[in-house]
Each structure stands twice: as structure tokens, then as C-alpha cells.
Amino acid sequence: MIAIGPLNIRLDLLAMVASLLILYIGFKKIGLSEKERDAVLGTWFAGFLAWKGSAIVLGLASTGSLALSLYATGGTWSLLIAAAVIAFFVFRLTPSLRGYWLFSALVFWFAVTLVVPKYGMLPLLSSSQPLHLYMAALIVLLLIATWRWMRTPTLGALLWTGVGAFSIWLTGSIVTGTFELWWIIPFFLLIAVAAYVARPSKTSIQYGLGLIVVLAIINASLPDETPRLEAGSSQTGLNIGQVPPNFELKRTDGTTFNLSELRGERIVVNFWASWCPPCRAEMPDMAKFAREHDDVTIVAVNTTTSERDVADAESFVAPYEDAFEVVYDENGMVGDAYRIQAMPTTYVLDENGVIVAKQFGAIDHAWLDAQTN
């Protein structure tokens, strides 16, 4: 999240918009017509409309309120609907344009990966490492390979590039602890289809094995502390894979709450204000989720310094006090420590107090389900 005047903009969305502009100009430079560029990049716009439209419909069905549904994320269902719409439009693309589309997908992935820091433990290393940089480097290799055949794509090239992308994504999920065993099934099915359509040459296999060996040697030779990181900064921070600052705040009744006391539990830390429309929209869904899940604790941190009157915050949150740990950041120190620039902002912590997900903007029941399971 970056602040531009009074506006707060998510870095991942900014990266995607910038990538879209670069791709549009770049595709023009290499000879694509305006119609062809619109066809390739328009698939992503269609997917975005499908995602947001389905999220609003699902939010309306669950809340019964149009105002609340505008902030809904739709969860996994909306993502699947968006993926299906994108797949439909990609299928309708002229076959010669599908290489350009896959290249654009990798560019988007690279841009978002680069600007959303993730940390985790790699084999043979004793300190947390910047996984987003490692993954971005691997995506660059895929981009280089795709560029070579982008203008004359074959089904085999498309499938094997998909295998490479799936491999990078699986590796990242294993290191960050978000891996699900059933993902192996579609992965090997994709490999089987790719091998059936276009068996890799001996040279390709040799290059692939050589790359794996080189990566293993580099990984084994890296120092325990990556030089680009300050000592201890890889363990404590606000990025995925790091441990956020501890804090101690007062509840509504004046008793003291300490975040470290919840270590061993899954925690959702949500920063809110009573005057914030998205905050008001997400509260009912958050409360419903909290009442259904005794194994997840939601800590609702009121940014008290932004309130006109503390009584407004207390009266607004009163119906939800049975569901949350409601605390008040009276002097703004916690908000500063967590670098809160926009509200609501939410962090999800695992049992070890490590950040596994974060969101700038409203969340809903579907998002909480997806991030805490």
C-alpha cells in the first residue's frame, strides 16, 4: 500500500495496471494491431468484471444488502468464475495470439510477485529468506523461454510453460506452508497431457535437470543470513512469512489485552474505525465468521486517534463484542507500528504468530474462510 495525496493504492493492483500499460505499448512495438492487443489484454478485463460482478451477487445473497455487497470479495467461487471467463475468452482467441496471452499472464505474475514480499525458510538455510525474489527470478526464466516461441505458439509449448508455472507456484506454496496435497493430482495430470501432446527433447530435459542442479548448488552455498537483509529483519516485519510487532492495548472495559497471549492460536488482526464505510460493511460477516469458528480469534483494533468521539466507536462495536477481542489504539502507536495507511487493514497470523495473509480493504466471510483454512 502506498499513499498518493489523500489516496491509498494497493501495490499489487498498481503493478498490474502498470504491467497492462507496458504490455499494451510493447505489443504495439512488436507489430500487434489494436484489435489484436484488445483481444489479448481484454481477457483480463473480462475476468475482472466477472470476479467483481459475481462477488457482488454472492455478497448480496449472503447479506441481503447492496451496500454491503459492494465490498464483498466473493472468495474462491468468484475466483473460479473469473478463471472460467478468462479461459473462455482465451479459447476464443486466434491460436497465433495465445502465446502473447500466456506471456502477458507471466508478466502480471512477475509484477505482483515482485511487489508483494513473502518470507519463508528454504532448505539448508537457518534464516527466513525473501521468497518473492527467488520466485520472481524463476518467472523471468519462464518469460525468456516464452518470448522465444511467443509469435508461433504450439500446444506443446503452451502446456510445458504451464507445467513450469505450476512448478514454481507449488514450490512457493510448500515453502510458505500453504501446500495442499491434492494439488499434486492436477499437476501430474498436466505433465501427462503435456508429455502426450509434445514429448520434451533430450536437450530440454538436460537443460531442465541442469537448472535444478544449479539452483540446488546456489541454495546450498548461500550464507545463513542473506546479505540484503538486516539482522533479524527477516523474522520480524509486516510481510507474509514474518512475525508482526506485539502490542498491548485496553479493551472497552479497561482490562488489558496482549497479542502474545494468543500465541498457539490462529489470529485475525483487523484495524477499523466507526466512520469508515468498508469497516462497517465487513463487521457483520466478520462477526458471523467469529461466532462459527472457536479456533480463530479476531482482534478488532480501533484506530482511536482517527475517531471524533470514542463513544461513537464503542456504540458501533457493542453488538460485536461477544465475537471479537475489541481493543483501542488510543495514542496511535500500534497503527504506526503496523503502518496503517488505509482502513480496514487485516492481517492473518498462524499458530506461530507468522503472517500468512493480509488484506487492504474490506474482507468478508468467504475471504476469512479461505485464509484461515
Protein backbone atom coordinates (compact mmCIF):
# COMPACT_ATOMS: atom_id res chain seq x y z
CA MET A 1 0.00 0.00 0.00
CA ILE A 2 1.30 3.45 -0.92
CA ALA A 3 -0.18 6.84 -0.19
CA ILE A 4 -0.57 9.35 -3.04
CA GLY A 5 -2.01 12.51 -1.51
CA PRO A 6 -5.32 11.50 0.07
CA LEU A 7 -5.44 8.24 -1.90
CA ASN A 8 -4.18 4.85 -0.72
CA ILE A 9 -3.35 2.43 -3.51
CA ARG A 10 -2.54 -1.29 -3.26
CA LEU A 11 0.86 -2.05 -4.73
CA ASP A 12 -0.28 -5.28 -6.38
CA LEU A 13 -3.11 -3.52 -8.21
CA LEU A 14 -0.79 -0.69 -9.19
CA ALA A 15 1.72 -3.25 -10.50
CA MET A 16 -0.98 -4.93 -12.59
CA VAL A 17 -2.17 -1.63 -14.08
CA ALA A 18 1.42 -0.62 -14.88
CA SER A 19 2.05 -4.04 -16.46
CA LEU A 20 -1.10 -3.73 -18.55
CA LEU A 21 0.08 -0.37 -19.90
CA ILE A 22 3.59 -1.67 -20.61
CA LEU A 23 2.21 -4.73 -22.39
CA TYR A 24 -0.18 -2.64 -24.49
CA ILE A 25 2.66 -0.40 -25.64
CA GLY A 26 5.12 -3.29 -26.01
CA PHE A 27 2.76 -5.40 -28.11
CA LYS A 28 2.25 -2.40 -30.40
CA LYS A 29 6.02 -2.03 -30.80
CA ILE A 30 6.41 -5.65 -31.93
CA GLY A 31 3.64 -5.38 -34.52
CA LEU A 32 0.30 -6.36 -32.96
CA SER A 33 -2.68 -4.42 -34.27
CA GLU A 34 -5.03 -2.55 -31.94
CA LYS A 35 -7.67 -5.25 -32.44
CA GLU A 36 -5.19 -7.99 -31.53
CA ARG A 37 -3.97 -6.14 -28.45
CA ASP A 38 -7.55 -5.59 -27.31
CA ALA A 39 -8.30 -9.28 -27.83
CA VAL A 40 -5.30 -10.45 -25.79
CA LEU A 41 -5.47 -7.97 -22.91
CA GLY A 42 -9.26 -7.70 -22.93
CA THR A 43 -9.44 -11.23 -21.48
CA TRP A 44 -8.11 -9.85 -18.21
CA PHE A 45 -10.66 -7.04 -18.15
CA ALA A 46 -13.45 -9.57 -18.73
CA GLY A 47 -12.08 -11.67 -15.88
CA PHE A 48 -12.02 -8.66 -13.57
CA LEU A 49 -15.64 -7.82 -14.37
CA ALA A 50 -16.64 -11.45 -13.79
CA TRP A 51 -14.81 -11.51 -10.45
CA LYS A 52 -16.31 -8.30 -9.11
CA GLY A 53 -19.77 -8.92 -10.55
CA SER A 54 -20.01 -12.41 -9.08
CA ALA A 55 -18.65 -11.14 -5.75
CA ILE A 56 -21.42 -8.54 -5.58
CA VAL A 57 -24.07 -11.15 -6.43
CA LEU A 58 -22.73 -13.61 -3.83
CA GLY A 59 -22.40 -10.81 -1.26
CA LEU A 60 -25.99 -9.72 -1.92
CA ALA A 61 -27.20 -13.29 -1.48
CA SER A 62 -25.40 -13.67 1.85
CA THR A 63 -26.04 -10.23 3.36
CA GLY A 64 -29.22 -9.06 1.66
CA SER A 65 -27.71 -5.57 1.47
CA LEU A 66 -26.50 -3.98 -1.77
CA ALA A 67 -24.35 -1.51 0.19
CA LEU A 68 -22.54 -4.34 1.96
CA SER A 69 -22.24 -6.50 -1.16
CA LEU A 70 -20.23 -3.80 -2.96
CA TYR A 71 -17.31 -4.59 -0.61
CA ALA A 72 -17.59 -8.39 -0.96
CA THR A 73 -14.65 -10.39 -2.33
CA GLY A 74 -16.62 -13.48 -3.33
CA GLY A 75 -13.92 -15.82 -2.08
CA THR A 76 -12.99 -18.96 -4.02
CA TRP A 77 -16.22 -19.05 -6.03
CA SER A 78 -15.66 -15.62 -7.56
CA LEU A 79 -12.07 -16.53 -8.43
CA LEU A 80 -13.26 -19.72 -10.15
CA ILE A 81 -15.90 -17.80 -12.08
CA ALA A 82 -13.31 -15.23 -13.17
CA ALA A 83 -10.91 -18.02 -14.22
CA ALA A 84 -13.66 -19.69 -16.25
CA VAL A 85 -14.50 -16.43 -18.04
CA ILE A 86 -10.82 -15.77 -18.83
CA ALA A 87 -10.42 -19.36 -20.08
CA PHE A 88 -13.47 -18.93 -22.33
CA PHE A 89 -12.09 -15.78 -23.95
CA VAL A 90 -8.60 -17.28 -24.28
CA PHE A 91 -10.13 -20.32 -26.03
CA ARG A 92 -11.80 -17.95 -28.49
CA LEU A 93 -8.53 -16.17 -29.25
CA THR A 94 -6.90 -16.75 -32.61
CA PRO A 95 -4.37 -19.57 -31.94
CA SER A 96 -1.49 -17.32 -33.02
CA LEU A 97 -2.34 -14.90 -30.18
CA ARG A 98 -2.30 -17.43 -27.35
CA GLY A 99 1.45 -17.15 -26.94
CA TYR A 100 1.06 -13.41 -26.39
CA TRP A 101 -1.65 -14.07 -23.83
CA LEU A 102 0.50 -16.52 -21.86
CA PHE A 103 3.36 -14.03 -21.95
CA SER A 104 1.04 -11.34 -20.54
CA ALA A 105 -0.04 -13.72 -17.75
CA LEU A 106 3.59 -14.29 -16.76
CA VAL A 107 4.29 -10.53 -16.82
CA PHE A 108 1.34 -9.90 -14.45
CA TRP A 109 2.52 -12.70 -12.17
CA PHE A 110 6.08 -11.37 -12.15
CA ALA A 111 4.95 -7.81 -11.32
CA VAL A 112 2.66 -8.85 -8.45
CA THR A 113 5.24 -11.32 -7.08
CA LEU A 114 7.91 -8.64 -7.04
CA VAL A 115 5.86 -6.06 -5.10
CA VAL A 116 4.23 -8.39 -2.53
CA PRO A 117 7.05 -9.51 -0.19
CA LYS A 118 6.90 -13.06 1.17
CA TYR A 119 9.40 -14.69 3.51
CA GLY A 120 9.97 -18.30 4.45
CA MET A 121 12.53 -20.97 5.24
CA LEU A 122 14.45 -22.61 2.40
CA PRO A 123 16.20 -26.00 2.74
CA LEU A 124 19.69 -25.90 4.24
CA LEU A 125 19.25 -22.30 5.47
CA SER A 126 18.62 -21.32 9.07
CA SER A 127 17.12 -17.88 8.42
CA SER A 128 13.99 -16.69 6.70
CA GLN A 129 14.57 -15.73 3.05
CA PRO A 130 12.85 -13.32 0.59
CA LEU A 131 10.84 -15.89 -1.34
CA HIS A 132 9.28 -13.29 -3.65
CA LEU A 133 12.72 -12.51 -5.10
CA TYR A 134 13.53 -16.18 -5.70
CA MET A 135 10.15 -16.76 -7.36
CA ALA A 136 10.46 -13.59 -9.47
CA ALA A 137 13.82 -14.83 -10.77
CA LEU A 138 12.28 -18.16 -11.81
CA ILE A 139 9.38 -16.38 -13.52
CA VAL A 140 11.91 -14.33 -15.50
CA LEU A 141 13.37 -17.61 -16.84
CA LEU A 142 9.89 -18.64 -17.96
CA LEU A 143 9.39 -15.23 -19.60
CA ILE A 144 12.64 -15.62 -21.55
CA ALA A 145 11.64 -19.10 -22.72
CA THR A 146 8.14 -17.92 -23.68
CA TRP A 147 9.49 -14.93 -25.62
CA ARG A 148 11.35 -17.32 -27.95
CA TRP A 149 8.17 -19.02 -29.21
CA MET A 150 5.53 -16.38 -28.39
CA ARG A 151 4.90 -15.43 -32.05
CA THR A 152 4.49 -19.05 -33.21
CA PRO A 153 2.91 -20.88 -30.26
CA THR A 154 2.28 -24.62 -30.29
CA LEU A 155 0.05 -26.54 -27.92
CA GLY A 156 3.08 -28.34 -26.52
CA ALA A 157 4.90 -25.08 -25.76
CA LEU A 158 1.82 -23.69 -24.04
CA LEU A 159 1.37 -26.82 -21.93
CA TRP A 160 5.03 -27.13 -20.89
CA THR A 161 5.15 -23.46 -19.94
CA GLY A 162 2.05 -24.15 -17.83
CA VAL A 163 3.93 -27.02 -16.17
CA GLY A 164 6.81 -24.66 -15.38
CA ALA A 165 4.49 -22.04 -13.89
CA PHE A 166 2.66 -24.68 -11.85
CA SER A 167 6.02 -25.97 -10.55
CA ILE A 168 7.08 -22.50 -9.36
CA TRP A 169 3.73 -21.93 -7.69
CA LEU A 170 3.80 -25.35 -5.97
CA THR A 171 7.34 -24.76 -4.72
CA GLY A 172 6.31 -21.41 -3.24
CA SER A 173 3.30 -22.97 -1.52
CA ILE A 174 5.45 -25.72 0.00
CA VAL A 175 7.98 -23.25 1.41
CA THR A 176 5.28 -20.93 2.81
CA GLY A 177 3.35 -23.84 4.36
CA THR A 178 0.19 -23.34 2.29
CA PHE A 179 0.60 -26.52 0.22
CA GLU A 180 -2.39 -28.86 -0.19
CA LEU A 181 -1.69 -32.49 -1.08
CA TRP A 182 -4.50 -32.72 -3.65
CA TRP A 183 -2.76 -30.09 -5.83
CA ILE A 184 -0.37 -32.87 -6.87
CA ILE A 185 -3.19 -34.50 -8.89
CA PRO A 186 -3.78 -31.67 -11.41
CA PHE A 187 -0.01 -31.07 -11.54
CA PHE A 188 0.78 -34.61 -12.70
CA LEU A 189 -2.25 -34.65 -14.99
CA LEU A 190 -0.89 -31.51 -16.67
CA ILE A 191 2.54 -33.14 -17.04
CA ALA A 192 0.91 -36.26 -18.55
CA VAL A 193 -1.08 -34.23 -21.08
CA ALA A 194 1.97 -32.13 -21.99
CA ALA A 195 4.10 -35.25 -22.46
CA TYR A 196 1.39 -36.86 -24.61
CA VAL A 197 0.99 -33.78 -26.82
CA ALA A 198 4.67 -32.92 -27.12
CA ARG A 199 7.35 -35.06 -25.59
CA PRO A 200 10.28 -32.92 -24.43
CA SER A 201 13.53 -33.34 -26.34
CA LYS A 202 16.63 -34.73 -24.69
CA THR A 203 18.13 -31.25 -24.82
CA SER A 204 15.15 -29.78 -22.95
CA ILE A 205 15.38 -32.49 -20.29
CA GLN A 206 19.12 -31.90 -19.90
CA TYR A 207 18.61 -28.14 -19.56
CA GLY A 208 15.83 -28.69 -17.01
CA LEU A 209 17.91 -31.06 -14.90
CA GLY A 210 20.89 -28.72 -15.18
CA LEU A 211 18.78 -25.81 -13.93
CA ILE A 212 17.62 -27.87 -10.93
CA VAL A 213 21.21 -28.78 -10.07
CA VAL A 214 22.38 -25.15 -10.40
CA LEU A 215 19.54 -23.93 -8.16
CA ALA A 216 20.38 -26.61 -5.59
CA ILE A 217 24.06 -25.61 -5.58
CA ILE A 218 23.19 -21.91 -5.24
CA ASN A 219 20.77 -22.68 -2.42
CA ALA A 220 23.33 -24.82 -0.59
CA SER A 221 26.07 -22.21 -0.94
CA LEU A 222 24.06 -19.23 0.29
CA PRO A 223 25.01 -17.89 3.72
CA ASP A 224 22.66 -18.40 6.64
CA GLU A 225 21.89 -14.68 6.62
CA THR A 226 21.07 -13.15 3.23
CA PRO A 227 23.26 -10.00 2.90
CA ARG A 228 20.39 -7.88 1.55
CA LEU A 229 18.53 -8.24 4.87
CA GLU A 230 19.38 -6.59 8.15
CA ALA A 231 19.94 -8.96 11.05
CA GLY A 232 16.60 -10.03 12.48
CA SER A 233 14.55 -8.17 9.86
CA SER A 234 13.69 -11.43 8.09
CA GLN A 235 11.97 -12.67 11.24
CA THR A 236 10.08 -9.57 12.35
CA GLY A 237 8.09 -7.43 9.96
CA LEU A 238 4.78 -6.90 8.21
CA ASN A 239 5.28 -9.12 5.17
CA ILE A 240 3.88 -12.60 4.65
CA GLY A 241 6.16 -15.07 6.43
CA GLN A 242 7.23 -12.60 9.12
CA VAL A 243 6.12 -12.03 12.71
CA PRO A 244 4.39 -8.65 13.28
CA PRO A 245 5.08 -6.45 16.31
CA ASN A 246 3.46 -7.44 19.58
CA PHE A 247 1.15 -4.91 21.26
CA GLU A 248 -0.72 -4.34 24.50
CA LEU A 249 -3.95 -2.31 24.45
CA LYS A 250 -7.04 -1.68 26.57
CA ARG A 251 -10.40 -3.30 26.00
CA THR A 252 -13.70 -1.41 26.30
CA ASP A 253 -14.00 -2.42 29.96
CA GLY A 254 -10.47 -1.15 30.73
CA THR A 255 -8.80 -4.55 31.05
CA THR A 256 -5.51 -5.13 29.25
CA PHE A 257 -5.10 -7.29 26.15
CA ASN A 258 -1.70 -8.58 24.95
CA LEU A 259 -1.37 -10.11 21.49
CA SER A 260 1.38 -12.51 22.57
CA GLU A 261 -1.06 -14.23 24.93
CA LEU A 262 -2.81 -15.72 21.89
CA ARG A 263 0.35 -17.45 20.60
CA GLY A 264 -0.62 -21.00 19.66
CA GLU A 265 -3.94 -19.87 18.15
CA ARG A 266 -4.84 -18.63 14.69
CA ILE A 267 -5.45 -14.88 14.86
CA VAL A 268 -7.03 -12.25 12.64
CA VAL A 269 -5.92 -8.68 13.46
CA ASN A 270 -8.28 -6.12 11.94
CA PHE A 271 -7.80 -2.34 12.10
CA TRP A 272 -11.06 -0.37 11.87
CA ALA A 273 -12.82 2.92 12.59
CA SER A 274 -16.52 3.63 13.14
CA TRP A 275 -16.64 6.32 10.41
CA CYS A 276 -15.14 4.00 7.76
CA PRO A 277 -17.85 2.63 5.36
CA PRO A 278 -15.89 -0.54 4.36
CA CYS A 279 -15.26 -1.23 8.06
CA ARG A 280 -18.96 -1.00 8.80
CA ALA A 281 -19.69 -3.24 5.82
CA GLU A 282 -17.31 -6.03 6.86
CA MET A 283 -18.23 -6.19 10.57
CA PRO A 284 -21.38 -8.38 10.24
CA ASP A 285 -19.55 -11.00 8.15
CA MET A 286 -16.55 -10.93 10.50
CA ALA A 287 -18.84 -11.45 13.49
CA LYS A 288 -20.66 -14.32 11.78
CA PHE A 289 -17.33 -15.98 10.99
CA ALA A 290 -16.02 -15.47 14.53
CA ARG A 291 -19.13 -16.99 16.09
CA GLU A 292 -18.82 -20.04 13.83
CA HIS A 293 -15.09 -20.61 14.47
CA ASP A 294 -13.97 -21.03 18.04
CA ASP A 295 -10.48 -21.94 16.82
CA VAL A 296 -9.84 -18.48 15.30
CA THR A 297 -9.61 -15.28 17.38
CA ILE A 298 -10.41 -11.95 15.75
CA VAL A 299 -8.71 -8.95 17.34
CA ALA A 300 -10.53 -5.76 16.28
CA VAL A 301 -8.18 -2.81 16.80
CA ASN A 302 -9.95 0.54 16.79
CA THR A 303 -7.78 3.37 15.41
CA THR A 304 -8.96 5.67 18.18
CA THR A 305 -6.89 8.68 17.13
CA SER A 306 -9.00 8.90 13.96
CA GLU A 307 -12.34 8.90 15.81
CA ARG A 308 -14.20 12.13 16.52
CA ASP A 309 -15.59 10.62 19.70
CA VAL A 310 -14.57 7.33 21.34
CA ALA A 311 -18.20 6.83 22.33
CA ASP A 312 -19.08 6.50 18.63
CA ALA A 313 -16.67 3.60 18.27
CA GLU A 314 -17.88 1.92 21.46
CA SER A 315 -21.56 2.14 20.49
CA PHE A 316 -20.87 0.90 16.96
CA VAL A 317 -18.85 -2.14 18.04
CA ALA A 318 -21.07 -3.05 21.02
CA PRO A 319 -23.14 -5.67 19.10
CA TYR A 320 -19.93 -7.48 18.12
CA GLU A 321 -18.04 -7.51 21.45
CA ASP A 322 -19.13 -11.10 22.09
CA ALA A 323 -17.43 -12.19 18.86
CA PHE A 324 -14.19 -10.16 18.89
CA GLU A 325 -11.39 -9.06 21.15
CA VAL A 326 -12.13 -5.32 20.80
CA VAL A 327 -9.20 -3.07 21.77
CA TYR A 328 -8.44 0.64 21.38
CA ASP A 329 -5.24 2.13 19.93
CA GLU A 330 -5.65 5.35 21.91
CA ASN A 331 -2.33 7.00 21.06
CA GLY A 332 -1.85 5.54 17.56
CA MET A 333 1.35 3.69 18.40
CA VAL A 334 0.10 0.30 17.18
CA GLY A 335 -1.27 1.80 13.97
CA ASP A 336 2.13 3.38 13.35
CA ALA A 337 3.94 0.11 14.10
CA TYR A 338 1.70 -1.72 11.61
CA ARG A 339 1.98 1.19 9.13
CA ILE A 340 -1.77 1.57 8.77
CA GLN A 341 -2.43 3.94 5.88
CA ALA A 342 -5.92 2.82 4.91
CA MET A 343 -8.80 1.16 6.70
CA PRO A 344 -9.78 -1.52 7.09
CA THR A 345 -6.47 -3.41 7.08
CA THR A 346 -6.33 -7.07 8.12
CA TYR A 347 -3.53 -9.49 9.00
CA VAL A 348 -3.98 -13.26 9.43
CA LEU A 349 -1.48 -15.00 11.74
CA ASP A 350 -0.88 -18.72 12.15
CA GLU A 351 -0.31 -20.56 15.42
CA ASN A 352 3.32 -19.39 15.48
CA GLY A 353 2.35 -15.75 15.11
CA VAL A 354 3.57 -15.64 11.49
CA ILE A 355 1.66 -13.59 8.91
CA VAL A 356 0.06 -15.90 6.34
CA ALA A 357 -2.24 -13.38 4.63
CA LYS A 358 -3.08 -9.69 4.65
CA GLN A 359 -5.69 -7.51 3.03
CA PHE A 360 -6.03 -3.78 2.46
CA GLY A 361 -9.75 -3.08 2.20
CA ALA A 362 -12.91 -4.84 3.28
CA ILE A 363 -12.96 -8.58 3.92
CA ASP A 364 -15.89 -10.97 4.16
CA HIS A 365 -16.81 -14.46 5.35
CA ALA A 366 -15.51 -16.11 2.16
CA TRP A 367 -12.12 -14.40 2.43
CA LEU A 368 -11.74 -15.38 6.08
CA ASP A 369 -12.68 -18.99 5.26
CA ALA A 370 -10.09 -19.13 2.50
CA GLN A 371 -7.26 -17.56 4.53
CA THR A 372 -7.72 -19.44 7.80
CA ASN A 373 -8.22 -22.96 6.44
